[in-house]
Structure formats: structure tokens, C-alpha cells
C-alpha atoms as a PDB file:
ATOM      1  CA  MET A   1      42.554  41.297 -13.218  1.00  0.00           C
ATOM      2  CA  ILE A   2      42.018  41.673 -16.971  1.00  0.00           C
ATOM      3  CA  MET A   3      41.480  38.206 -18.436  1.00  0.00           C
ATOM      4  CA  LEU A   4      40.734  39.130 -22.053  1.00  0.00           C
ATOM      5  CA  LYS A   5      42.008  42.234 -23.830  1.00  0.00           C
ATOM      6  CA  VAL A   6      40.877  43.008 -27.387  1.00  0.00           C
ATOM      7  CA  THR A   7      42.762  45.885 -29.032  1.00  0.00           C
ATOM      8  CA  ASP A   8      41.933  47.637 -32.344  1.00  0.00           C
ATOM      9  CA  LEU A   9      40.469  44.442 -33.765  1.00  0.00           C
ATOM     10  CA  LYS A  10      39.549  44.499 -37.451  1.00  0.00           C
ATOM     11  CA  VAL A  11      37.897  41.730 -39.443  1.00  0.00           C
ATOM     12  CA  ASN A  12      36.989  41.827 -43.134  1.00  0.00           C
ATOM     13  CA  TYR A  13      34.704  39.535 -45.092  1.00  0.00           C
ATOM     14  CA  GLY A  14      35.859  40.133 -48.634  1.00  0.00           C
ATOM     15  CA  GLY A  15      35.447  43.864 -49.150  1.00  0.00           C
ATOM     16  CA  ILE A  16      33.142  44.294 -46.158  1.00  0.00           C
ATOM     17  CA  GLU A  17      34.526  45.644 -42.875  1.00  0.00           C
ATOM     18  CA  ALA A  18      32.767  43.567 -40.225  1.00  0.00           C
ATOM     19  CA  LEU A  19      34.853  44.936 -37.335  1.00  0.00           C
ATOM     20  CA  LYS A  20      36.385  48.380 -37.679  1.00  0.00           C
ATOM     21  CA  GLY A  21      38.932  48.482 -34.878  1.00  0.00           C
ATOM     22  CA  ILE A  22      37.119  47.553 -31.662  1.00  0.00           C
ATOM     23  CA  SER A  23      38.791  47.523 -28.244  1.00  0.00           C
ATOM     24  CA  PHE A  24      37.433  46.199 -24.948  1.00  0.00           C
ATOM     25  CA  ASP A  25      38.483  44.312 -21.828  1.00  0.00           C
ATOM     26  CA  VAL A  26      36.894  41.478 -19.867  1.00  0.00           C
ATOM     27  CA  SER A  27      37.960  41.210 -16.234  1.00  0.00           C
ATOM     28  CA  GLN A  28      38.157  37.894 -14.438  1.00  0.00           C
ATOM     29  CA  GLY A  29      34.895  36.905 -12.752  1.00  0.00           C
ATOM     30  CA  GLN A  30      32.705  39.305 -14.731  1.00  0.00           C
ATOM     31  CA  ILE A  31      29.702  38.833 -16.950  1.00  0.00           C
ATOM     32  CA  VAL A  32      30.295  41.099 -19.939  1.00  0.00           C
ATOM     33  CA  THR A  33      27.686  41.537 -22.653  1.00  0.00           C
ATOM     34  CA  LEU A  34      27.787  42.870 -26.190  1.00  0.00           C
ATOM     35  CA  ILE A  35      24.452  44.213 -27.403  1.00  0.00           C
ATOM     36  CA  GLY A  36      23.449  45.631 -30.741  1.00  0.00           C
ATOM     37  CA  ALA A  37      21.338  45.074 -33.814  1.00  0.00           C
ATOM     38  CA  ASN A  38      21.817  42.215 -36.245  1.00  0.00           C
ATOM     39  CA  GLY A  39      24.901  42.872 -38.344  1.00  0.00           C
ATOM     40  CA  ALA A  40      26.596  45.011 -35.697  1.00  0.00           C
ATOM     41  CA  GLY A  41      29.562  42.633 -35.482  1.00  0.00           C
ATOM     42  CA  LYS A  42      28.811  40.834 -32.237  1.00  0.00           C
ATOM     43  CA  SER A  43      29.066  37.269 -33.521  1.00  0.00           C
ATOM     44  CA  THR A  44      32.111  38.171 -35.623  1.00  0.00           C
ATOM     45  CA  THR A  45      33.787  39.357 -32.421  1.00  0.00           C
ATOM     46  CA  LEU A  46      33.275  35.986 -30.749  1.00  0.00           C
ATOM     47  CA  ARG A  47      34.330  34.128 -33.877  1.00  0.00           C
ATOM     48  CA  ALA A  48      37.568  36.127 -33.999  1.00  0.00           C
ATOM     49  CA  ILE A  49      38.328  35.475 -30.327  1.00  0.00           C
ATOM     50  CA  SER A  50      37.662  31.757 -30.768  1.00  0.00           C
ATOM     51  CA  GLY A  51      39.892  31.485 -33.843  1.00  0.00           C
ATOM     52  CA  LEU A  52      37.106  30.745 -36.333  1.00  0.00           C
ATOM     53  CA  VAL A  53      37.896  33.873 -38.355  1.00  0.00           C
ATOM     54  CA  HIS A  54      41.240  35.627 -38.580  1.00  0.00           C
ATOM     55  CA  PRO A  55      41.583  39.378 -37.929  1.00  0.00           C
ATOM     56  CA  CYS A  56      43.283  41.523 -40.538  1.00  0.00           C
ATOM     57  CA  ASP A  57      44.575  43.829 -37.803  1.00  0.00           C
ATOM     58  CA  GLY A  58      44.608  44.255 -34.045  1.00  0.00           C
ATOM     59  CA  SER A  59      45.306  41.820 -31.218  1.00  0.00           C
ATOM     60  CA  ILE A  60      43.607  39.473 -28.772  1.00  0.00           C
ATOM     61  CA  ASN A  61      45.334  38.828 -25.454  1.00  0.00           C
ATOM     62  CA  PHE A  62      44.111  36.144 -23.038  1.00  0.00           C
ATOM     63  CA  MET A  63      45.607  35.652 -19.579  1.00  0.00           C
ATOM     64  CA  GLY A  64      48.673  37.648 -20.603  1.00  0.00           C
ATOM     65  CA  ARG A  65      49.277  35.735 -23.839  1.00  0.00           C
ATOM     66  CA  ASP A  66      48.719  36.877 -27.426  1.00  0.00           C
ATOM     67  CA  ILE A  67      46.280  34.388 -28.983  1.00  0.00           C
ATOM     68  CA  THR A  68      45.489  36.394 -32.131  1.00  0.00           C
ATOM     69  CA  SER A  69      47.011  33.870 -34.529  1.00  0.00           C
ATOM     70  CA  LEU A  70      46.109  30.644 -32.703  1.00  0.00           C
ATOM     71  CA  ASN A  71      43.683  28.179 -34.245  1.00  0.00           C
ATOM     72  CA  SER A  72      40.412  27.301 -32.540  1.00  0.00           C
ATOM     73  CA  GLN A  73      41.686  24.033 -31.035  1.00  0.00           C
ATOM     74  CA  ARG A  74      44.597  25.768 -29.342  1.00  0.00           C
ATOM     75  CA  ILE A  75      42.320  28.528 -28.094  1.00  0.00           C
ATOM     76  CA  VAL A  76      40.060  25.945 -26.438  1.00  0.00           C
ATOM     77  CA  ALA A  77      43.178  24.453 -24.867  1.00  0.00           C
ATOM     78  CA  GLU A  78      44.061  27.914 -23.515  1.00  0.00           C
ATOM     79  CA  GLY A  79      40.763  27.977 -21.608  1.00  0.00           C
ATOM     80  CA  ILE A  80      38.137  29.609 -23.856  1.00  0.00           C
ATOM     81  CA  ALA A  81      34.947  27.689 -24.691  1.00  0.00           C
ATOM     82  CA  MET A  82      32.073  28.725 -26.946  1.00  0.00           C
ATOM     83  CA  VAL A  83      28.338  28.078 -26.662  1.00  0.00           C
ATOM     84  CA  PRO A  84      27.407  28.760 -30.293  1.00  0.00           C
ATOM     85  CA  GLU A  85      24.321  30.455 -31.655  1.00  0.00           C
ATOM     86  CA  GLY A  86      21.602  27.915 -32.350  1.00  0.00           C
ATOM     87  CA  ARG A  87      23.092  25.413 -29.863  1.00  0.00           C
ATOM     88  CA  ARG A  88      24.643  23.242 -32.631  1.00  0.00           C
ATOM     89  CA  VAL A  89      24.502  20.022 -30.686  1.00  0.00           C
ATOM     90  CA  PHE A  90      25.266  16.843 -32.617  1.00  0.00           C
ATOM     91  CA  PRO A  91      21.704  15.653 -33.285  1.00  0.00           C
ATOM     92  CA  ASN A  92      22.504  12.015 -34.046  1.00  0.00           C
ATOM     93  CA  LEU A  93      24.609  11.528 -30.925  1.00  0.00           C
ATOM     94  CA  THR A  94      23.269  10.970 -27.425  1.00  0.00           C
ATOM     95  CA  VAL A  95      23.377  13.531 -24.644  1.00  0.00           C
ATOM     96  CA  LYS A  96      26.308  11.737 -23.036  1.00  0.00           C
ATOM     97  CA  GLU A  97      28.221  11.500 -26.319  1.00  0.00           C
ATOM     98  CA  ASN A  98      27.752  15.240 -26.871  1.00  0.00           C
ATOM     99  CA  LEU A  99      29.170  15.936 -23.417  1.00  0.00           C
ATOM    100  CA  LYS A 100      32.174  13.703 -24.033  1.00  0.00           C
ATOM    101  CA  ILE A 101      32.967  15.655 -27.193  1.00  0.00           C
ATOM    102  CA  GLY A 102      33.323  18.769 -25.034  1.00  0.00           C
ATOM    103  CA  ALA A 103      36.206  17.078 -23.199  1.00  0.00           C
ATOM    104  CA  TYR A 104      38.112  15.960 -26.288  1.00  0.00           C
ATOM    105  CA  LEU A 105      41.222  18.026 -25.450  1.00  0.00           C
ATOM    106  CA  ARG A 106      41.391  17.101 -21.800  1.00  0.00           C
ATOM    107  CA  LYS A 107      44.291  15.022 -20.564  1.00  0.00           C
ATOM    108  CA  ASP A 108      42.650  14.045 -17.240  1.00  0.00           C
ATOM    109  CA  ARG A 109      40.564  11.255 -18.775  1.00  0.00           C
ATOM    110  CA  ASP A 110      39.846   9.672 -15.389  1.00  0.00           C
ATOM    111  CA  GLU A 111      38.067  12.834 -14.272  1.00  0.00           C
ATOM    112  CA  VAL A 112      35.845  13.205 -17.342  1.00  0.00           C
ATOM    113  CA  GLN A 113      33.141  10.928 -15.919  1.00  0.00           C
ATOM    114  CA  GLU A 114      33.181  12.986 -12.731  1.00  0.00           C
ATOM    115  CA  SER A 115      32.662  16.134 -14.821  1.00  0.00           C
ATOM    116  CA  ILE A 116      29.716  14.499 -16.593  1.00  0.00           C
ATOM    117  CA  ALA A 117      28.209  13.644 -13.221  1.00  0.00           C
ATOM    118  CA  ASP A 118      28.616  17.285 -12.198  1.00  0.00           C
ATOM    119  CA  ILE A 119      26.776  18.404 -15.352  1.00  0.00           C
ATOM    120  CA  TYR A 120      23.968  15.994 -14.520  1.00  0.00           C
ATOM    121  CA  ARG A 121      23.705  17.400 -10.998  1.00  0.00           C
ATOM    122  CA  ARG A 122      23.408  20.873 -12.472  1.00  0.00           C
ATOM    123  CA  PHE A 123      20.982  19.827 -15.223  1.00  0.00           C
ATOM    124  CA  PRO A 124      18.880  16.894 -13.962  1.00  0.00           C
ATOM    125  CA  ARG A 125      16.927  16.814 -17.227  1.00  0.00           C
ATOM    126  CA  LEU A 126      20.103  15.886 -19.070  1.00  0.00           C
ATOM    127  CA  ARG A 127      20.689  12.985 -16.696  1.00  0.00           C
ATOM    128  CA  GLU A 128      17.131  11.769 -17.379  1.00  0.00           C
ATOM    129  CA  ARG A 129      17.852  11.931 -21.125  1.00  0.00           C
ATOM    130  CA  GLU A 130      21.428  10.618 -21.007  1.00  0.00           C
ATOM    131  CA  TRP A 131      20.883   8.069 -23.818  1.00  0.00           C
ATOM    132  CA  GLN A 132      18.436  10.169 -25.820  1.00  0.00           C
ATOM    133  CA  LEU A 133      19.557  11.570 -29.191  1.00  0.00           C
ATOM    134  CA  ALA A 134      20.327  15.270 -28.839  1.00  0.00           C
ATOM    135  CA  GLY A 135      18.244  16.128 -31.906  1.00  0.00           C
ATOM    136  CA  THR A 136      15.093  14.963 -30.106  1.00  0.00           C
ATOM    137  CA  LEU A 137      15.529  17.313 -27.132  1.00  0.00           C
ATOM    138  CA  SER A 138      13.520  20.501 -26.694  1.00  0.00           C
ATOM    139  CA  GLY A 139      15.174  23.834 -27.483  1.00  0.00           C
ATOM    140  CA  GLY A 140      15.765  24.561 -23.803  1.00  0.00           C
ATOM    141  CA  GLU A 141      17.246  21.116 -23.203  1.00  0.00           C
ATOM    142  CA  GLN A 142      19.542  21.523 -26.202  1.00  0.00           C
ATOM    143  CA  GLN A 143      20.729  24.856 -24.791  1.00  0.00           C
ATOM    144  CA  MET A 144      21.497  23.196 -21.453  1.00  0.00           C
ATOM    145  CA  LEU A 145      23.400  20.516 -23.346  1.00  0.00           C
ATOM    146  CA  ALA A 146      25.378  23.152 -25.274  1.00  0.00           C
ATOM    147  CA  VAL A 147      26.308  24.851 -21.997  1.00  0.00           C
ATOM    148  CA  GLY A 148      27.207  21.519 -20.422  1.00  0.00           C
ATOM    149  CA  ARG A 149      29.345  20.572 -23.419  1.00  0.00           C
ATOM    150  CA  ALA A 150      31.257  23.863 -23.108  1.00  0.00           C
ATOM    151  CA  MET A 151      31.715  23.289 -19.380  1.00  0.00           C
ATOM    152  CA  MET A 152      33.294  19.896 -20.103  1.00  0.00           C
ATOM    153  CA  ALA A 153      36.305  21.787 -21.492  1.00  0.00           C
ATOM    154  CA  LYS A 154      36.811  23.302 -18.003  1.00  0.00           C
ATOM    155  CA  PRO A 155      37.004  26.847 -19.420  1.00  0.00           C
ATOM    156  CA  LYS A 156      38.235  29.964 -17.687  1.00  0.00           C
ATOM    157  CA  LEU A 157      36.184  32.077 -20.116  1.00  0.00           C
ATOM    158  CA  MET A 158      32.870  30.950 -21.592  1.00  0.00           C
ATOM    159  CA  MET A 159      31.536  32.833 -24.611  1.00  0.00           C
ATOM    160  CA  MET A 160      27.805  32.523 -25.286  1.00  0.00           C
ATOM    161  CA  ASP A 161      26.202  33.549 -28.578  1.00  0.00           C
ATOM    162  CA  GLU A 162      22.458  34.255 -28.267  1.00  0.00           C
ATOM    163  CA  PRO A 163      21.695  31.642 -25.573  1.00  0.00           C
ATOM    164  CA  SER A 164      18.028  32.693 -25.336  1.00  0.00           C
ATOM    165  CA  LEU A 165      17.353  32.570 -29.087  1.00  0.00           C
ATOM    166  CA  GLY A 166      14.062  30.857 -29.889  1.00  0.00           C
ATOM    167  CA  LEU A 167      13.314  29.856 -26.306  1.00  0.00           C
ATOM    168  CA  ALA A 168      10.111  30.384 -24.333  1.00  0.00           C
ATOM    169  CA  PRO A 169      10.186  33.156 -21.671  1.00  0.00           C
ATOM    170  CA  LEU A 170      10.251  30.719 -18.741  1.00  0.00           C
ATOM    171  CA  VAL A 171      13.182  28.856 -20.284  1.00  0.00           C
ATOM    172  CA  VAL A 172      14.978  32.159 -20.914  1.00  0.00           C
ATOM    173  CA  LYS A 173      14.742  32.941 -17.190  1.00  0.00           C
ATOM    174  CA  GLU A 174      16.208  29.529 -16.441  1.00  0.00           C
ATOM    175  CA  ILE A 175      19.107  30.067 -18.872  1.00  0.00           C
ATOM    176  CA  PHE A 176      20.001  33.424 -17.318  1.00  0.00           C
ATOM    177  CA  ALA A 177      19.859  31.864 -13.854  1.00  0.00           C
ATOM    178  CA  ILE A 178      22.394  29.326 -15.117  1.00  0.00           C
ATOM    179  CA  ILE A 179      24.620  32.167 -16.396  1.00  0.00           C
ATOM    180  CA  ARG A 180      24.577  33.794 -12.946  1.00  0.00           C
ATOM    181  CA  ASP A 181      25.394  30.451 -11.328  1.00  0.00           C
ATOM    182  CA  LEU A 182      28.387  29.994 -13.626  1.00  0.00           C
ATOM    183  CA  LYS A 183      29.697  33.403 -12.594  1.00  0.00           C
ATOM    184  CA  SER A 184      29.275  32.529  -8.905  1.00  0.00           C
ATOM    185  CA  GLU A 185      31.475  29.476  -9.517  1.00  0.00           C
ATOM    186  CA  GLY A 186      34.287  31.573 -10.965  1.00  0.00           C
ATOM    187  CA  ILE A 187      33.654  31.237 -14.704  1.00  0.00           C
ATOM    188  CA  THR A 188      33.979  34.499 -16.620  1.00  0.00           C
ATOM    189  CA  ILE A 189      31.241  35.054 -19.219  1.00  0.00           C
ATOM    190  CA  LEU A 190      31.286  36.998 -22.489  1.00  0.00           C
ATOM    191  CA  LEU A 191      27.682  37.124 -23.656  1.00  0.00           C
ATOM    192  CA  ILE A 192      25.974  38.170 -26.882  1.00  0.00           C
ATOM    193  CA  GLU A 193      22.229  38.688 -26.666  1.00  0.00           C
ATOM    194  CA  GLN A 194      19.398  40.171 -28.721  1.00  0.00           C
ATOM    195  CA  ASN A 195      17.437  40.195 -25.454  1.00  0.00           C
ATOM    196  CA  ALA A 196      19.281  43.285 -24.253  1.00  0.00           C
ATOM    197  CA  ASN A 197      17.052  43.717 -21.217  1.00  0.00           C
ATOM    198  CA  ALA A 198      17.862  40.275 -19.826  1.00  0.00           C
ATOM    199  CA  ALA A 199      21.543  40.560 -20.733  1.00  0.00           C
ATOM    200  CA  LEU A 200      22.054  43.953 -19.092  1.00  0.00           C
ATOM    201  CA  HIS A 201      20.218  42.883 -15.941  1.00  0.00           C
ATOM    202  CA  CYS A 202      22.788  40.154 -15.335  1.00  0.00           C
ATOM    203  CA  ALA A 203      25.894  41.883 -16.772  1.00  0.00           C
ATOM    204  CA  ASP A 204      28.597  43.654 -14.812  1.00  0.00           C
ATOM    205  CA  VAL A 205      29.681  45.547 -17.932  1.00  0.00           C
ATOM    206  CA  GLY A 206      28.008  46.108 -21.279  1.00  0.00           C
ATOM    207  CA  PHE A 207      29.230  47.319 -24.651  1.00  0.00           C
ATOM    208  CA  VAL A 208      26.913  48.628 -27.366  1.00  0.00           C
ATOM    209  CA  MET A 209      27.999  47.738 -30.899  1.00  0.00           C
ATOM    210  CA  GLU A 210      26.883  49.439 -34.104  1.00  0.00           C
ATOM    211  CA  THR A 211      28.160  48.568 -37.601  1.00  0.00           C
ATOM    212  CA  GLY A 212      31.448  47.103 -36.457  1.00  0.00           C
ATOM    213  CA  ARG A 213      32.231  49.668 -33.771  1.00  0.00           C
ATOM    214  CA  ILE A 214      31.721  49.955 -30.027  1.00  0.00           C
ATOM    215  CA  THR A 215      29.737  53.135 -29.478  1.00  0.00           C
ATOM    216  CA  MET A 216      28.936  53.004 -25.786  1.00  0.00           C
ATOM    217  CA  THR A 217      30.050  51.258 -22.622  1.00  0.00           C
ATOM    218  CA  GLY A 218      28.953  51.176 -19.000  1.00  0.00           C
ATOM    219  CA  SER A 219      27.768  48.930 -16.222  1.00  0.00           C
ATOM    220  CA  GLY A 220      24.612  46.924 -16.864  1.00  0.00           C
ATOM    221  CA  GLU A 221      22.666  49.308 -14.636  1.00  0.00           C
ATOM    222  CA  GLU A 222      24.024  52.385 -16.406  1.00  0.00           C
ATOM    223  CA  LEU A 223      23.073  51.104 -19.835  1.00  0.00           C
ATOM    224  CA  LEU A 224      19.624  50.041 -18.645  1.00  0.00           C
ATOM    225  CA  ALA A 225      19.048  53.624 -17.503  1.00  0.00           C
ATOM    226  CA  ASN A 226      20.463  55.222 -20.652  1.00  0.00           C
ATOM    227  CA  GLU A 227      17.734  56.837 -22.752  1.00  0.00           C
ATOM    228  CA  ALA A 228      19.406  56.051 -26.089  1.00  0.00           C
ATOM    229  CA  VAL A 229      19.812  52.388 -25.123  1.00  0.00           C
ATOM    230  CA  LYS A 230      16.206  52.253 -23.938  1.00  0.00           C
ATOM    231  CA  ALA A 231      14.942  53.660 -27.216  1.00  0.00           C
ATOM    232  CA  ALA A 232      17.098  51.490 -29.455  1.00  0.00           C
ATOM    233  CA  TYR A 233      17.227  48.160 -27.621  1.00  0.00           C
ATOM    234  CA  LEU A 234      14.776  48.020 -24.745  1.00  0.00           C
ATOM    235  CA  GLY A 235      11.615  49.154 -26.526  1.00  0.00           C
ATOM    236  CA  THR A 236      11.104  52.250 -24.379  1.00  0.00           C
ATOM    237  CA  ALA A 237      12.104  55.883 -24.672  1.00  0.00           C
END
């Protein structure tokens, strides 16, 4: 089942064409990754889907509904959550307060504490630091908190923008293990990553973006074996 369908999407920043008519699908239960150099349009794609920027043309369909013109709050309510680049936790709030913010649109207030407990079971380090200010956490712990905060919205689709950015290799492995676990629990993932090797190893489908266009698509395995992808993004020819 196609969960997300992006069709001929165009986004301009002033006179600059950031997206030049991209089209792609995300099927339910998949991990889909967008790879490409800085400035290729990857983050703009996620920002358009999440309602943070408005397309000048094209459409975004989620679960059979056109969400192109919805604002970001309504898009979260539809079931799309974002883990932003750079984590963007609220540094002067505690871990628990950050998690509660992720549930701000939920109507089932009695179940929010149960969801927090579930996050703590998944990320024991967050439970240990429940009353610690988020700004004092390590980079890896902040990334776990950003993922946990997104999970508090009970999303059907989780979009992740550079989750491994600035993290040590061992922490990167842990983050990608978390991404696989989320998929196994039925959450669909749309992932942006500079670490193309790690992203393609866990992705069902990958799209290569260059200067606002999608230039190549295939399974993660197919793109890992592609000589052009190897040369451009994996450091080997």
C-alpha cells in the first residue's frame, strides 16, 4: 500500500528552484532513503511534506488524502512526525518535558504517561536522565530524545533528517539499529542521510537526488552495487 505519494513537487526559495518537479512513493512499512550531496534538495523535500515550506506546484498525498496545503500542526495530526536535523531538543527543558511536548496534539491524555514509559523502556538512558535538562545530554542521547519525542505523536510515518550527523561511529550504529526496530514495529520511515552507506544498508528503497531532481532509484542493495553511486557517495569506484 502506498502511504505517501509525492507528485511533480516544486519548491522555490525566491528565484532559486530548490525542487524541480520530483515524484516518488513511500509504501507502508518501508524504510525509504533520500541520498545526495548538500544542496540537492533533500531537506527541502521533508520540509515541504511536513508543511514548513509551501510548494509552488505539485501535490503531496498521505493515506489517500491531499495534504499539500495543510499547515504543519495538521500534518502532525494526520500522522507524520519529524526528527529534525541537529536534534533541536528544547535545551532548557527536562527530558520528560521534551517528551510531553511530542504529545501536545494527542487527545488520549491518560495514555501519554504510558507512552513515556514505553520510550523509557526503549531508551533506558533517557529514563536515567528523566529530570536532566536536555541541553546537557550527549549528542547521541539528544538524538534518542528527538526520536522519542517524535514517537510520542504516535506517527504512521516518521521522517528523519540526518539522524547520524555529528555522532560517533558506535552511536551511529545504535541509531540505525533503532531505525530498524521502528520499522519492525510498523512505523514507516523516510530518511535523509549524508552517510549513504549506512542509509542504503537499512533502506528498502533509495532515491538519489541531485540539484532538486531525483536522478536514480532502486532498492538499497541495487544502489549499493551501482558504480556511479559508489563513486559519488560511497567513496569507492
